[in-house]
């Protein structure tokens, strides 16, 4: 099993950053959406650098997560490979974009509830729940 300590820290760092009113959040922006913000924390890239790396190859993280291939040599594939190295697989990216993993939803503070994928507070709650769940698995 991969050491997920860095991923857990990145989830927590992202949740903290998203709490700031100065942080831009747009679900439809590759560098400022749910996955985009986590990718910033994992890679150190800015939102603009993420957009440049995907080079209009996709409109949503879920599109590429479904078709990712490590061997194409495209910038976006390199980005996905790096994300994967930190323990975040394709399905987790799809769930993160849609806030839809039932295990994470069941682990939410206050109990299970459905979240809205483009609502900042819901993204924060999801990332915190995801980090909490990973910490339980590590312990």
C-alpha atoms as a PDB file:
ATOM      1  CA  UNK A   1       0.000   0.000   0.000  1.00  0.00           C
ATOM      2  CA  UNK A   2       1.290   3.472  -0.927  1.00  0.00           C
ATOM      3  CA  UNK A   3       2.229   5.872   1.828  1.00  0.00           C
ATOM      4  CA  UNK A   4      -0.638   8.322   1.674  1.00  0.00           C
ATOM      5  CA  UNK A   5       0.788  10.801   4.182  1.00  0.00           C
ATOM      6  CA  UNK A   6       1.548  13.378   1.480  1.00  0.00           C
ATOM      7  CA  UNK A   7      -1.915  12.969  -0.049  1.00  0.00           C
ATOM      8  CA  UNK A   8      -3.554  13.388   3.370  1.00  0.00           C
ATOM      9  CA  UNK A   9      -1.512  16.549   3.969  1.00  0.00           C
ATOM     10  CA  UNK A  10      -2.411  17.839   0.497  1.00  0.00           C
ATOM     11  CA  UNK A  11      -6.126  17.263   1.132  1.00  0.00           C
ATOM     12  CA  UNK A  12      -5.927  19.175   4.410  1.00  0.00           C
ATOM     13  CA  UNK A  13      -3.840  21.970   2.871  1.00  0.00           C
ATOM     14  CA  UNK A  14      -6.350  22.280   0.026  1.00  0.00           C
ATOM     15  CA  UNK A  15      -9.311  22.444   2.412  1.00  0.00           C
ATOM     16  CA  UNK A  16      -7.571  25.213   4.363  1.00  0.00           C
ATOM     17  CA  UNK A  17      -6.775  27.153   1.172  1.00  0.00           C
ATOM     18  CA  UNK A  18     -10.377  26.830  -0.034  1.00  0.00           C
ATOM     19  CA  UNK A  19     -11.609  28.404   3.213  1.00  0.00           C
ATOM     20  CA  UNK A  20      -9.911  31.654   2.234  1.00  0.00           C
ATOM     21  CA  UNK A  21     -12.163  34.148   0.477  1.00  0.00           C
ATOM     22  CA  UNK A  22      -9.115  35.182  -1.558  1.00  0.00           C
ATOM     23  CA  UNK A  23      -8.909  31.725  -3.147  1.00  0.00           C
ATOM     24  CA  UNK A  24     -10.647  31.519  -6.507  1.00  0.00           C
ATOM     25  CA  UNK A  25     -12.996  28.545  -6.852  1.00  0.00           C
ATOM     26  CA  UNK A  26     -14.781  27.672 -10.075  1.00  0.00           C
ATOM     27  CA  UNK A  27     -16.033  24.166 -10.708  1.00  0.00           C
ATOM     28  CA  UNK A  28     -15.756  24.636 -14.480  1.00  0.00           C
ATOM     29  CA  UNK A  29     -12.098  25.794 -14.401  1.00  0.00           C
ATOM     30  CA  UNK A  30      -9.460  23.051 -14.677  1.00  0.00           C
ATOM     31  CA  UNK A  31      -7.124  24.723 -12.193  1.00  0.00           C
ATOM     32  CA  UNK A  32      -9.720  26.099  -9.775  1.00  0.00           C
ATOM     33  CA  UNK A  33     -12.163  23.192  -9.451  1.00  0.00           C
ATOM     34  CA  UNK A  34     -12.238  20.361  -6.914  1.00  0.00           C
ATOM     35  CA  UNK A  35      -9.484  18.287  -8.515  1.00  0.00           C
ATOM     36  CA  UNK A  36      -7.630  21.368  -9.772  1.00  0.00           C
ATOM     37  CA  UNK A  37      -7.174  22.712  -6.269  1.00  0.00           C
ATOM     38  CA  UNK A  38      -5.924  19.352  -4.994  1.00  0.00           C
ATOM     39  CA  UNK A  39      -3.560  19.081  -7.972  1.00  0.00           C
ATOM     40  CA  UNK A  40      -2.142  22.487  -6.994  1.00  0.00           C
ATOM     41  CA  UNK A  41      -1.341  21.079  -3.551  1.00  0.00           C
ATOM     42  CA  UNK A  42       0.086  17.812  -4.892  1.00  0.00           C
ATOM     43  CA  UNK A  43       2.250  19.291  -7.643  1.00  0.00           C
ATOM     44  CA  UNK A  44       2.984  22.869  -6.623  1.00  0.00           C
ATOM     45  CA  UNK A  45       1.588  24.079  -9.951  1.00  0.00           C
ATOM     46  CA  UNK A  46      -0.580  27.190 -10.078  1.00  0.00           C
ATOM     47  CA  UNK A  47      -4.076  27.130 -11.552  1.00  0.00           C
ATOM     48  CA  UNK A  48      -2.694  28.736 -14.730  1.00  0.00           C
ATOM     49  CA  UNK A  49       0.104  26.175 -15.007  1.00  0.00           C
ATOM     50  CA  UNK A  50      -2.447  23.369 -14.690  1.00  0.00           C
ATOM     51  CA  UNK A  51      -4.550  24.862 -17.485  1.00  0.00           C
ATOM     52  CA  UNK A  52      -1.424  25.188 -19.648  1.00  0.00           C
ATOM     53  CA  UNK A  53      -0.466  21.562 -18.898  1.00  0.00           C
ATOM     54  CA  UNK A  54      -3.845  20.232 -19.999  1.00  0.00           C
ATOM     55  CA  UNK A  55      -3.514  22.388 -23.145  1.00  0.00           C
ATOM     56  CA  UNK A  56      -7.223  22.199 -23.992  1.00  0.00           C
ATOM     57  CA  UNK A  57      -6.988  18.411 -24.201  1.00  0.00           C
ATOM     58  CA  UNK A  58     -10.014  18.109 -21.921  1.00  0.00           C
ATOM     59  CA  UNK A  59     -12.741  20.164 -20.304  1.00  0.00           C
ATOM     60  CA  UNK A  60     -13.157  18.186 -17.088  1.00  0.00           C
ATOM     61  CA  UNK A  61     -10.897  16.041 -14.925  1.00  0.00           C
ATOM     62  CA  UNK A  62     -13.423  13.214 -15.172  1.00  0.00           C
ATOM     63  CA  UNK A  63     -13.028  13.092 -18.962  1.00  0.00           C
ATOM     64  CA  UNK A  64      -9.346  12.389 -18.744  1.00  0.00           C
ATOM     65  CA  UNK A  65      -9.558  10.148 -15.710  1.00  0.00           C
ATOM     66  CA  UNK A  66     -11.656   7.784 -17.823  1.00  0.00           C
ATOM     67  CA  UNK A  67      -9.153   7.676 -20.701  1.00  0.00           C
ATOM     68  CA  UNK A  68      -5.773   8.140 -18.991  1.00  0.00           C
ATOM     69  CA  UNK A  69      -2.898   6.235 -20.554  1.00  0.00           C
ATOM     70  CA  UNK A  70       0.591   6.458 -19.064  1.00  0.00           C
ATOM     71  CA  UNK A  71       2.343   6.020 -22.390  1.00  0.00           C
ATOM     72  CA  UNK A  72       1.109   8.867 -24.609  1.00  0.00           C
ATOM     73  CA  UNK A  73       3.704  11.374 -23.465  1.00  0.00           C
ATOM     74  CA  UNK A  74       1.215  14.233 -23.330  1.00  0.00           C
ATOM     75  CA  UNK A  75       1.531  16.846 -20.588  1.00  0.00           C
ATOM     76  CA  UNK A  76      -1.846  15.959 -19.144  1.00  0.00           C
ATOM     77  CA  UNK A  77      -0.864  12.295 -18.942  1.00  0.00           C
ATOM     78  CA  UNK A  78       2.327  13.303 -17.138  1.00  0.00           C
ATOM     79  CA  UNK A  79       0.180  15.267 -14.705  1.00  0.00           C
ATOM     80  CA  UNK A  80      -2.116  12.290 -14.107  1.00  0.00           C
ATOM     81  CA  UNK A  81       0.877  10.015 -13.629  1.00  0.00           C
ATOM     82  CA  UNK A  82       2.211  12.371 -10.935  1.00  0.00           C
ATOM     83  CA  UNK A  83      -1.202  12.475  -9.225  1.00  0.00           C
ATOM     84  CA  UNK A  84      -1.344   8.682  -9.297  1.00  0.00           C
ATOM     85  CA  UNK A  85       2.093   8.472  -7.677  1.00  0.00           C
ATOM     86  CA  UNK A  86       0.635  10.234  -4.637  1.00  0.00           C
ATOM     87  CA  UNK A  87      -2.061   7.561  -4.279  1.00  0.00           C
ATOM     88  CA  UNK A  88      -5.001   9.169  -6.058  1.00  0.00           C
ATOM     89  CA  UNK A  89      -6.366   6.858  -8.737  1.00  0.00           C
ATOM     90  CA  UNK A  90      -8.681   7.636 -11.648  1.00  0.00           C
ATOM     91  CA  UNK A  91     -11.851   6.642  -9.853  1.00  0.00           C
ATOM     92  CA  UNK A  92     -10.952   8.821  -6.863  1.00  0.00           C
ATOM     93  CA  UNK A  93     -10.525  11.809  -9.187  1.00  0.00           C
ATOM     94  CA  UNK A  94     -13.961  11.200 -10.696  1.00  0.00           C
ATOM     95  CA  UNK A  95     -15.445  10.919  -7.205  1.00  0.00           C
ATOM     96  CA  UNK A  96     -13.619  14.069  -6.084  1.00  0.00           C
ATOM     97  CA  UNK A  97     -14.971  16.098  -8.982  1.00  0.00           C
ATOM     98  CA  UNK A  98     -18.503  14.877  -8.267  1.00  0.00           C
ATOM     99  CA  UNK A  99     -18.178  14.498  -4.452  1.00  0.00           C
ATOM    100  CA  UNK A 100     -19.666  11.051  -4.849  1.00  0.00           C
ATOM    101  CA  UNK A 101     -17.690   8.334  -3.022  1.00  0.00           C
ATOM    102  CA  UNK A 102     -20.204   6.840  -0.578  1.00  0.00           C
ATOM    103  CA  UNK A 103     -17.454   5.791   1.864  1.00  0.00           C
ATOM    104  CA  UNK A 104     -16.331   9.393   2.131  1.00  0.00           C
ATOM    105  CA  UNK A 105     -19.914  10.666   2.336  1.00  0.00           C
ATOM    106  CA  UNK A 106     -20.655   8.205   5.161  1.00  0.00           C
ATOM    107  CA  UNK A 107     -17.586   9.509   7.021  1.00  0.00           C
ATOM    108  CA  UNK A 108     -18.671  13.182   6.886  1.00  0.00           C
ATOM    109  CA  UNK A 109     -18.846  15.102  10.148  1.00  0.00           C
ATOM    110  CA  UNK A 110     -22.523  15.003  11.071  1.00  0.00           C
ATOM    111  CA  UNK A 111     -23.139  11.802   9.116  1.00  0.00           C
ATOM    112  CA  UNK A 112     -24.027  10.797   5.574  1.00  0.00           C
ATOM    113  CA  UNK A 113     -25.455  13.358   3.215  1.00  0.00           C
ATOM    114  CA  UNK A 114     -25.219  14.153  -0.467  1.00  0.00           C
ATOM    115  CA  UNK A 115     -23.028  17.077  -1.426  1.00  0.00           C
ATOM    116  CA  UNK A 116     -23.152  19.501  -4.344  1.00  0.00           C
ATOM    117  CA  UNK A 117     -20.075  19.183  -6.545  1.00  0.00           C
ATOM    118  CA  UNK A 118     -19.784  22.908  -7.268  1.00  0.00           C
ATOM    119  CA  UNK A 119     -20.282  24.209  -3.732  1.00  0.00           C
ATOM    120  CA  UNK A 120     -17.066  25.299  -2.009  1.00  0.00           C
ATOM    121  CA  UNK A 121     -18.159  24.324   1.534  1.00  0.00           C
ATOM    122  CA  UNK A 122     -19.140  20.865   0.301  1.00  0.00           C
ATOM    123  CA  UNK A 123     -15.748  20.419  -1.390  1.00  0.00           C
ATOM    124  CA  UNK A 124     -14.021  21.358   1.866  1.00  0.00           C
ATOM    125  CA  UNK A 125     -16.155  18.892   3.859  1.00  0.00           C
ATOM    126  CA  UNK A 126     -15.478  16.128   1.303  1.00  0.00           C
ATOM    127  CA  UNK A 127     -11.695  16.675   1.333  1.00  0.00           C
ATOM    128  CA  UNK A 128     -11.606  16.706   5.131  1.00  0.00           C
ATOM    129  CA  UNK A 129     -13.677  13.517   5.282  1.00  0.00           C
ATOM    130  CA  UNK A 130     -11.423  11.884   2.685  1.00  0.00           C
ATOM    131  CA  UNK A 131      -8.309  12.811   4.695  1.00  0.00           C
ATOM    132  CA  UNK A 132      -9.915  11.565   7.931  1.00  0.00           C
ATOM    133  CA  UNK A 133     -10.817   8.253   6.295  1.00  0.00           C
ATOM    134  CA  UNK A 134      -7.295   7.794   4.927  1.00  0.00           C
ATOM    135  CA  UNK A 135      -5.822   8.522   8.355  1.00  0.00           C
ATOM    136  CA  UNK A 136      -8.065   5.829   9.872  1.00  0.00           C
ATOM    137  CA  UNK A 137      -6.791   3.366   7.243  1.00  0.00           C
ATOM    138  CA  UNK A 138      -3.160   4.265   8.013  1.00  0.00           C
ATOM    139  CA  UNK A 139      -3.608   3.887  11.786  1.00  0.00           C
END
